[in-house]
């Protein structure tokens, strides 16, 4: 993804500060918060971040489990590429992090005007999304198996 982004950044109409900016963040900084409406997409240049959700438990209790960690080369916020969207997770820095924050609306327009770059960008994004979906499916299956064991469903099967 970095090579494709570097190619996009080389175009004058996709200049830094207009279409994207670098962010240097210290540990324990919330980058995006679940429930916020946004329109930016991120690329991790350096560092480690934790993606977490909110799980409601009985009696109005909530926990915020980590879903996954992101490291150099990862992207997040891709749901905000074409229109403002509600963030579906919170992302927090675990150490010093360098991010590229890209305006989703400007990127979408740019990719429409540059279909070859758009194809390459979305091809890479599709690969990333497919890998995440496969990982999520594995986690759901493991959680279901654990839940069935804990509740002794083997005796009724």
N, C-alpha and C. Protein backbone atom coordinates (compact mmCIF):
# COMPACT_ATOMS: atom_id res chain seq x y z
N UNK A 1 0.82 -1.19 0.00
CA UNK A 1 0.00 0.00 0.00
C UNK A 1 0.87 1.26 0.00
N UNK A 2 2.01 1.20 0.66
CA UNK A 2 2.88 2.38 0.76
C UNK A 2 3.33 2.86 -0.63
N UNK A 3 3.69 1.94 -1.51
CA UNK A 3 4.14 2.33 -2.85
C UNK A 3 3.02 3.03 -3.62
N UNK A 4 1.81 2.53 -3.49
CA UNK A 4 0.67 3.14 -4.18
C UNK A 4 0.42 4.54 -3.61
N UNK A 5 0.44 4.65 -2.27
CA UNK A 5 0.23 5.97 -1.66
C UNK A 5 1.33 6.95 -2.06
N UNK A 6 2.57 6.50 -2.09
CA UNK A 6 3.67 7.39 -2.52
C UNK A 6 3.44 7.88 -3.94
N UNK A 7 2.94 7.01 -4.81
CA UNK A 7 2.64 7.40 -6.18
C UNK A 7 1.55 8.47 -6.19
N UNK A 8 0.50 8.27 -5.41
CA UNK A 8 -0.59 9.24 -5.32
C UNK A 8 -0.07 10.56 -4.76
N UNK A 9 0.77 10.50 -3.73
CA UNK A 9 1.30 11.71 -3.10
C UNK A 9 2.20 12.51 -4.05
N UNK A 10 2.72 11.87 -5.08
CA UNK A 10 3.60 12.57 -6.01
C UNK A 10 2.85 13.54 -6.93
N UNK A 11 1.54 13.43 -6.99
CA UNK A 11 0.75 14.32 -7.83
C UNK A 11 0.52 15.66 -7.09
N UNK A 12 0.71 16.74 -7.81
CA UNK A 12 0.61 18.07 -7.21
C UNK A 12 -0.79 18.31 -6.62
N UNK A 13 -1.83 17.81 -7.28
CA UNK A 13 -3.19 18.05 -6.77
C UNK A 13 -3.52 17.22 -5.54
N UNK A 14 -2.60 16.34 -5.11
CA UNK A 14 -2.80 15.55 -3.89
C UNK A 14 -1.68 15.89 -2.91
N UNK A 15 -1.52 17.16 -2.67
CA UNK A 15 -0.39 17.63 -1.86
C UNK A 15 -0.64 17.49 -0.36
N UNK A 16 0.49 17.45 0.36
CA UNK A 16 0.44 17.40 1.82
C UNK A 16 -0.24 18.66 2.34
N UNK A 17 -0.92 18.55 3.44
CA UNK A 17 -1.72 19.58 4.09
C UNK A 17 -3.04 19.83 3.38
N UNK A 18 -3.12 19.66 2.06
CA UNK A 18 -4.40 19.78 1.37
C UNK A 18 -5.16 18.45 1.44
N UNK A 19 -4.50 17.37 1.05
CA UNK A 19 -5.17 16.07 0.96
C UNK A 19 -4.77 15.10 2.06
N UNK A 20 -3.62 15.35 2.67
CA UNK A 20 -3.13 14.44 3.71
C UNK A 20 -2.16 15.18 4.61
N UNK A 21 -1.93 14.59 5.78
CA UNK A 21 -0.95 15.18 6.69
C UNK A 21 -0.30 14.08 7.52
N UNK A 22 0.92 14.37 7.96
CA UNK A 22 1.63 13.45 8.85
C UNK A 22 1.25 13.79 10.28
N UNK A 23 1.09 12.74 11.08
CA UNK A 23 0.81 12.92 12.50
C UNK A 23 1.80 12.10 13.31
N UNK A 24 2.43 12.71 14.27
CA UNK A 24 3.32 12.02 15.20
C UNK A 24 2.62 12.03 16.55
N UNK A 25 2.36 10.83 17.08
CA UNK A 25 1.56 10.72 18.30
C UNK A 25 2.30 9.94 19.37
N UNK A 26 2.18 10.37 20.63
CA UNK A 26 2.80 9.63 21.74
C UNK A 26 1.94 8.43 22.14
N UNK A 27 2.46 7.56 23.01
CA UNK A 27 1.68 6.41 23.49
C UNK A 27 0.39 6.86 24.19
N UNK A 28 -0.60 5.98 24.15
CA UNK A 28 -1.90 6.17 24.82
C UNK A 28 -2.72 7.33 24.27
N UNK A 29 -2.54 7.62 22.99
CA UNK A 29 -3.34 8.65 22.33
C UNK A 29 -4.47 7.98 21.56
N UNK A 30 -5.70 8.43 21.78
CA UNK A 30 -6.83 7.93 21.01
C UNK A 30 -6.80 8.63 19.65
N UNK A 31 -6.65 7.83 18.60
CA UNK A 31 -6.59 8.38 17.24
C UNK A 31 -8.00 8.56 16.69
N UNK A 32 -8.81 7.52 16.81
CA UNK A 32 -10.22 7.59 16.43
C UNK A 32 -11.02 6.91 17.53
N UNK A 33 -12.24 7.37 17.71
CA UNK A 33 -13.10 6.84 18.76
C UNK A 33 -14.37 6.26 18.16
N UNK A 34 -14.72 5.07 18.61
CA UNK A 34 -15.94 4.41 18.14
C UNK A 34 -17.12 5.35 18.32
N UNK A 35 -17.94 5.45 17.27
CA UNK A 35 -19.14 6.27 17.32
C UNK A 35 -18.98 7.65 16.72
N UNK A 36 -17.74 8.11 16.55
CA UNK A 36 -17.51 9.42 15.94
C UNK A 36 -17.75 9.34 14.43
N UNK A 37 -18.29 10.41 13.88
CA UNK A 37 -18.42 10.47 12.44
C UNK A 37 -17.15 11.09 11.88
N UNK A 38 -16.62 10.51 10.81
CA UNK A 38 -15.35 10.99 10.28
C UNK A 38 -15.27 10.72 8.78
N UNK A 39 -14.21 11.26 8.18
CA UNK A 39 -13.99 11.03 6.75
C UNK A 39 -12.51 10.89 6.42
N UNK A 40 -11.72 10.40 7.39
CA UNK A 40 -10.29 10.22 7.14
C UNK A 40 -9.89 8.75 7.21
N UNK A 41 -8.84 8.47 6.48
CA UNK A 41 -8.27 7.14 6.29
C UNK A 41 -6.82 7.24 6.76
N UNK A 42 -6.29 6.19 7.39
CA UNK A 42 -4.95 6.26 7.97
C UNK A 42 -4.03 5.17 7.43
N UNK A 43 -2.75 5.53 7.31
CA UNK A 43 -1.69 4.59 6.99
C UNK A 43 -0.66 4.69 8.12
N UNK A 44 -0.25 3.54 8.67
CA UNK A 44 0.70 3.51 9.78
C UNK A 44 2.12 3.45 9.21
N UNK A 45 2.89 4.51 9.41
CA UNK A 45 4.28 4.53 8.97
C UNK A 45 5.21 3.90 9.99
N UNK A 46 4.91 4.12 11.28
CA UNK A 46 5.78 3.63 12.35
C UNK A 46 4.95 3.46 13.60
N UNK A 47 5.27 2.43 14.38
CA UNK A 47 4.63 2.26 15.68
C UNK A 47 3.56 1.19 15.71
N UNK A 48 2.91 1.11 16.85
CA UNK A 48 1.91 0.09 17.08
C UNK A 48 0.66 0.71 17.69
N UNK A 49 -0.50 0.27 17.22
CA UNK A 49 -1.77 0.77 17.71
C UNK A 49 -2.68 -0.40 18.07
N UNK A 50 -3.63 -0.15 18.95
CA UNK A 50 -4.60 -1.18 19.34
C UNK A 50 -5.99 -0.75 18.89
N UNK A 51 -6.67 -1.67 18.20
CA UNK A 51 -8.05 -1.49 17.79
C UNK A 51 -8.91 -2.16 18.85
N UNK A 52 -9.88 -1.44 19.38
CA UNK A 52 -10.75 -2.01 20.41
C UNK A 52 -12.20 -1.65 20.15
N UNK A 53 -13.07 -2.49 20.66
CA UNK A 53 -14.50 -2.26 20.54
C UNK A 53 -15.10 -2.12 21.93
N UNK A 54 -16.40 -2.05 21.99
CA UNK A 54 -17.09 -1.98 23.27
C UNK A 54 -18.07 -3.15 23.32
N UNK A 55 -17.99 -3.94 24.39
CA UNK A 55 -18.88 -5.08 24.57
C UNK A 55 -19.74 -4.82 25.80
N UNK A 56 -21.05 -4.82 25.60
CA UNK A 56 -21.98 -4.62 26.71
C UNK A 56 -22.19 -5.95 27.43
N UNK A 57 -22.05 -5.93 28.75
CA UNK A 57 -22.28 -7.10 29.59
C UNK A 57 -23.58 -6.92 30.36
N UNK A 58 -23.92 -7.88 31.19
CA UNK A 58 -25.12 -7.78 32.02
C UNK A 58 -25.02 -6.58 32.96
N UNK A 59 -26.16 -6.11 33.42
CA UNK A 59 -26.24 -5.02 34.41
C UNK A 59 -25.55 -3.75 33.95
N UNK A 60 -25.67 -3.42 32.68
CA UNK A 60 -25.12 -2.18 32.13
C UNK A 60 -23.61 -2.03 32.30
N UNK A 61 -22.90 -3.12 32.40
CA UNK A 61 -21.44 -3.07 32.45
C UNK A 61 -20.90 -3.19 31.03
N UNK A 62 -19.77 -2.55 30.79
CA UNK A 62 -19.13 -2.62 29.49
C UNK A 62 -17.64 -2.90 29.66
N UNK A 63 -17.08 -3.61 28.71
CA UNK A 63 -15.63 -3.79 28.65
C UNK A 63 -15.18 -3.35 27.26
N UNK A 64 -13.91 -3.01 27.15
CA UNK A 64 -13.37 -2.56 25.88
C UNK A 64 -12.21 -3.48 25.48
N UNK A 65 -12.56 -4.65 24.92
CA UNK A 65 -11.50 -5.60 24.56
C UNK A 65 -10.75 -5.18 23.30
N UNK A 66 -9.48 -5.55 23.25
CA UNK A 66 -8.70 -5.32 22.04
C UNK A 66 -9.14 -6.29 20.96
N UNK A 67 -9.36 -5.78 19.77
CA UNK A 67 -9.76 -6.60 18.64
C UNK A 67 -8.52 -7.09 17.90
N UNK A 68 -7.57 -6.16 17.68
CA UNK A 68 -6.31 -6.50 17.02
C UNK A 68 -5.34 -5.35 17.21
N UNK A 69 -4.09 -5.60 16.88
CA UNK A 69 -3.06 -4.57 16.89
C UNK A 69 -2.65 -4.27 15.45
N UNK A 70 -2.33 -3.02 15.19
CA UNK A 70 -1.87 -2.59 13.88
C UNK A 70 -0.44 -2.11 13.99
N UNK A 71 0.36 -2.44 12.98
CA UNK A 71 1.76 -2.03 12.97
C UNK A 71 2.10 -1.37 11.64
N UNK A 72 3.37 -1.08 11.45
CA UNK A 72 3.85 -0.43 10.24
C UNK A 72 3.27 -1.09 9.00
N UNK A 73 2.75 -0.26 8.08
CA UNK A 73 2.18 -0.75 6.83
C UNK A 73 0.68 -0.99 6.89
N UNK A 74 0.09 -0.96 8.07
CA UNK A 74 -1.35 -1.19 8.20
C UNK A 74 -2.14 0.05 7.82
N UNK A 75 -3.39 -0.15 7.45
CA UNK A 75 -4.32 0.94 7.18
C UNK A 75 -5.55 0.75 8.05
N UNK A 76 -6.23 1.85 8.33
CA UNK A 76 -7.52 1.77 9.00
C UNK A 76 -8.33 3.02 8.66
N UNK A 77 -9.63 2.93 8.89
CA UNK A 77 -10.52 4.03 8.55
C UNK A 77 -11.03 3.97 7.13
N UNK A 78 -10.87 2.83 6.47
CA UNK A 78 -11.22 2.73 5.05
C UNK A 78 -12.72 2.89 4.78
N UNK A 79 -13.57 2.72 5.80
CA UNK A 79 -15.00 2.91 5.59
C UNK A 79 -15.34 4.38 5.33
N UNK A 80 -14.42 5.26 5.62
CA UNK A 80 -14.65 6.71 5.46
C UNK A 80 -14.10 7.25 4.14
N UNK A 81 -13.82 6.39 3.20
CA UNK A 81 -13.21 6.85 1.95
C UNK A 81 -14.16 7.65 1.07
N UNK A 82 -15.41 7.27 0.99
CA UNK A 82 -16.31 7.89 0.01
C UNK A 82 -17.32 8.86 0.60
N UNK A 83 -17.54 8.77 1.90
CA UNK A 83 -18.50 9.65 2.56
C UNK A 83 -18.25 9.57 4.06
N UNK A 84 -18.69 10.58 4.79
CA UNK A 84 -18.52 10.51 6.24
C UNK A 84 -19.20 9.25 6.79
N UNK A 85 -18.53 8.59 7.71
CA UNK A 85 -19.03 7.33 8.25
C UNK A 85 -18.75 7.29 9.74
N UNK A 86 -19.56 6.53 10.45
CA UNK A 86 -19.37 6.36 11.88
C UNK A 86 -18.22 5.38 12.11
N UNK A 87 -17.26 5.75 12.94
CA UNK A 87 -16.17 4.84 13.29
C UNK A 87 -16.74 3.63 14.02
N UNK A 88 -16.29 2.44 13.64
CA UNK A 88 -16.83 1.22 14.27
C UNK A 88 -15.88 0.63 15.30
N UNK A 89 -14.80 1.34 15.62
CA UNK A 89 -13.86 0.90 16.66
C UNK A 89 -13.07 2.11 17.15
N UNK A 90 -12.45 1.92 18.29
CA UNK A 90 -11.52 2.93 18.83
C UNK A 90 -10.11 2.45 18.52
N UNK A 91 -9.25 3.36 18.11
CA UNK A 91 -7.86 3.03 17.82
C UNK A 91 -6.98 3.91 18.70
N UNK A 92 -6.09 3.26 19.48
CA UNK A 92 -5.24 3.96 20.44
C UNK A 92 -3.79 3.58 20.20
N UNK A 93 -2.89 4.55 20.30
CA UNK A 93 -1.47 4.27 20.13
C UNK A 93 -0.93 3.48 21.32
N UNK A 94 -0.06 2.53 21.06
CA UNK A 94 0.60 1.75 22.11
C UNK A 94 2.00 2.25 22.39
N UNK A 95 2.60 2.89 21.39
CA UNK A 95 3.92 3.51 21.55
C UNK A 95 3.96 4.74 20.65
N UNK A 96 5.13 5.31 20.43
CA UNK A 96 5.23 6.45 19.52
C UNK A 96 4.82 6.00 18.13
N UNK A 97 3.94 6.76 17.51
CA UNK A 97 3.37 6.36 16.22
C UNK A 97 3.47 7.51 15.22
N UNK A 98 3.83 7.16 13.99
CA UNK A 98 3.78 8.10 12.87
C UNK A 98 2.68 7.61 11.92
N UNK A 99 1.73 8.48 11.66
CA UNK A 99 0.59 8.15 10.79
C UNK A 99 0.51 9.12 9.63
N UNK A 100 -0.04 8.64 8.53
CA UNK A 100 -0.48 9.51 7.45
C UNK A 100 -1.99 9.54 7.54
N UNK A 101 -2.57 10.71 7.71
CA UNK A 101 -4.02 10.87 7.76
C UNK A 101 -4.47 11.45 6.43
N UNK A 102 -5.31 10.72 5.73
CA UNK A 102 -5.69 11.05 4.36
C UNK A 102 -7.17 11.41 4.32
N UNK A 103 -7.49 12.53 3.69
CA UNK A 103 -8.87 12.95 3.54
C UNK A 103 -9.57 12.00 2.57
N UNK A 104 -10.57 11.29 3.05
CA UNK A 104 -11.26 10.29 2.25
C UNK A 104 -11.98 10.86 1.06
N UNK A 105 -12.60 12.00 1.23
CA UNK A 105 -13.34 12.60 0.13
C UNK A 105 -12.40 13.03 -0.99
N UNK A 106 -11.29 13.66 -0.63
CA UNK A 106 -10.31 14.10 -1.64
C UNK A 106 -9.68 12.89 -2.33
N UNK A 107 -9.37 11.85 -1.55
CA UNK A 107 -8.80 10.63 -2.14
C UNK A 107 -9.79 9.99 -3.11
N UNK A 108 -11.05 9.92 -2.74
CA UNK A 108 -12.07 9.32 -3.60
C UNK A 108 -12.16 10.07 -4.94
N UNK A 109 -12.19 11.39 -4.90
CA UNK A 109 -12.25 12.19 -6.12
C UNK A 109 -10.99 11.99 -6.96
N UNK A 110 -9.83 11.98 -6.29
CA UNK A 110 -8.57 11.77 -7.00
C UNK A 110 -8.55 10.42 -7.71
N UNK A 111 -8.99 9.38 -7.02
CA UNK A 111 -8.97 8.04 -7.61
C UNK A 111 -9.96 7.92 -8.77
N UNK A 112 -11.08 8.64 -8.70
CA UNK A 112 -12.01 8.68 -9.84
C UNK A 112 -11.34 9.31 -11.05
N UNK A 113 -10.52 10.33 -10.82
CA UNK A 113 -9.82 11.02 -11.90
C UNK A 113 -8.59 10.27 -12.41
N UNK A 114 -8.12 9.28 -11.66
CA UNK A 114 -6.93 8.49 -12.00
C UNK A 114 -7.28 7.01 -11.86
N UNK A 115 -8.03 6.47 -12.82
CA UNK A 115 -8.57 5.11 -12.67
C UNK A 115 -7.52 4.00 -12.55
N UNK A 116 -6.37 4.15 -13.14
CA UNK A 116 -5.34 3.11 -13.01
C UNK A 116 -4.84 3.07 -11.56
N UNK A 117 -4.55 4.24 -11.01
CA UNK A 117 -4.15 4.28 -9.59
C UNK A 117 -5.29 3.82 -8.70
N UNK A 118 -6.51 4.19 -9.06
CA UNK A 118 -7.67 3.75 -8.30
C UNK A 118 -7.79 2.23 -8.29
N UNK A 119 -7.58 1.62 -9.46
CA UNK A 119 -7.63 0.16 -9.54
C UNK A 119 -6.57 -0.47 -8.63
N UNK A 120 -5.35 0.03 -8.71
CA UNK A 120 -4.27 -0.53 -7.90
C UNK A 120 -4.53 -0.32 -6.41
N UNK A 121 -5.03 0.87 -6.05
CA UNK A 121 -5.34 1.16 -4.65
C UNK A 121 -6.42 0.21 -4.13
N UNK A 122 -7.52 0.11 -4.87
CA UNK A 122 -8.62 -0.73 -4.40
C UNK A 122 -8.30 -2.23 -4.46
N UNK A 123 -7.45 -2.62 -5.37
CA UNK A 123 -7.01 -4.01 -5.42
C UNK A 123 -6.25 -4.35 -4.13
N UNK A 124 -5.36 -3.48 -3.70
CA UNK A 124 -4.61 -3.68 -2.46
C UNK A 124 -5.53 -3.61 -1.24
N UNK A 125 -6.46 -2.66 -1.26
CA UNK A 125 -7.40 -2.53 -0.15
C UNK A 125 -8.30 -3.77 -0.06
N UNK A 126 -8.70 -4.32 -1.19
CA UNK A 126 -9.52 -5.53 -1.21
C UNK A 126 -8.74 -6.70 -0.58
N UNK A 127 -7.46 -6.81 -0.89
CA UNK A 127 -6.63 -7.86 -0.31
C UNK A 127 -6.57 -7.72 1.21
N UNK A 128 -6.36 -6.51 1.69
CA UNK A 128 -6.31 -6.25 3.13
C UNK A 128 -7.64 -6.60 3.78
N UNK A 129 -8.73 -6.18 3.15
CA UNK A 129 -10.07 -6.45 3.69
C UNK A 129 -10.35 -7.95 3.73
N UNK A 130 -9.97 -8.67 2.70
CA UNK A 130 -10.18 -10.12 2.67
C UNK A 130 -9.40 -10.82 3.79
N UNK A 131 -8.17 -10.37 4.03
CA UNK A 131 -7.37 -10.95 5.12
C UNK A 131 -8.02 -10.68 6.48
N UNK A 132 -8.53 -9.47 6.66
CA UNK A 132 -9.20 -9.12 7.93
C UNK A 132 -10.48 -9.93 8.12
N UNK A 133 -11.23 -10.12 7.05
CA UNK A 133 -12.46 -10.90 7.13
C UNK A 133 -12.16 -12.35 7.49
N UNK A 134 -11.13 -12.92 6.90
CA UNK A 134 -10.73 -14.29 7.22
C UNK A 134 -10.34 -14.42 8.69
N UNK A 135 -9.56 -13.46 9.19
CA UNK A 135 -9.16 -13.45 10.59
C UNK A 135 -10.37 -13.32 11.50
N UNK A 136 -11.31 -12.43 11.14
CA UNK A 136 -12.52 -12.25 11.94
C UNK A 136 -13.36 -13.53 11.97
N UNK A 137 -13.48 -14.21 10.83
CA UNK A 137 -14.22 -15.47 10.79
C UNK A 137 -13.59 -16.51 11.71
N UNK A 138 -12.27 -16.61 11.69
CA UNK A 138 -11.56 -17.55 12.58
C UNK A 138 -11.84 -17.23 14.04
N UNK A 139 -11.83 -15.96 14.39
CA UNK A 139 -12.08 -15.55 15.77
C UNK A 139 -13.50 -15.88 16.20
N UNK A 140 -14.47 -15.63 15.33
CA UNK A 140 -15.86 -15.94 15.65
C UNK A 140 -16.03 -17.44 15.87
N UNK A 141 -15.44 -18.25 15.00
CA UNK A 141 -15.52 -19.71 15.16
C UNK A 141 -14.90 -20.15 16.48
N UNK A 142 -13.75 -19.61 16.82
CA UNK A 142 -13.10 -19.96 18.08
C UNK A 142 -13.92 -19.53 19.29
N UNK A 143 -14.51 -18.34 19.23
CA UNK A 143 -15.36 -17.88 20.33
C UNK A 143 -16.61 -18.74 20.46
N UNK A 144 -17.19 -19.15 19.34
CA UNK A 144 -18.37 -20.03 19.40
C UNK A 144 -18.00 -21.37 20.01
N UNK A 145 -16.87 -21.93 19.61
CA UNK A 145 -16.43 -23.21 20.17
C UNK A 145 -16.19 -23.09 21.67
N UNK A 146 -15.55 -22.00 22.08
CA UNK A 146 -15.31 -21.78 23.50
C UNK A 146 -16.64 -21.66 24.25
N UNK A 147 -17.57 -20.88 23.72
CA UNK A 147 -18.86 -20.69 24.36
C UNK A 147 -19.63 -22.00 24.49
N UNK A 148 -19.58 -22.82 23.46
CA UNK A 148 -20.27 -24.12 23.52
C UNK A 148 -19.65 -25.01 24.58
N UNK A 149 -18.34 -25.02 24.67
CA UNK A 149 -17.66 -25.83 25.69
C UNK A 149 -18.00 -25.34 27.10
N UNK A 150 -17.92 -24.04 27.30
CA UNK A 150 -18.18 -23.47 28.63
C UNK A 150 -19.60 -23.78 29.09
N UNK A 151 -20.53 -23.81 28.18
CA UNK A 151 -21.93 -24.06 28.54
C UNK A 151 -22.32 -25.53 28.37
N UNK A 152 -21.33 -26.38 28.20
CA UNK A 152 -21.50 -27.83 28.16
C UNK A 152 -22.54 -28.26 27.11
N UNK A 153 -22.49 -27.67 25.95
CA UNK A 153 -23.42 -28.03 24.90
C UNK A 153 -23.11 -29.39 24.28
N UNK A 154 -21.93 -29.94 24.55
CA UNK A 154 -21.58 -31.25 24.00
C UNK A 154 -22.55 -32.32 24.47
N UNK A 155 -23.06 -32.18 25.68
CA UNK A 155 -23.95 -33.22 26.20
C UNK A 155 -25.31 -33.22 25.49
N UNK A 156 -25.72 -32.13 24.85
CA UNK A 156 -27.01 -32.10 24.17
C UNK A 156 -26.89 -32.28 22.66
N UNK A 157 -25.68 -32.36 22.15
CA UNK A 157 -25.49 -32.53 20.70
C UNK A 157 -25.55 -33.98 20.30
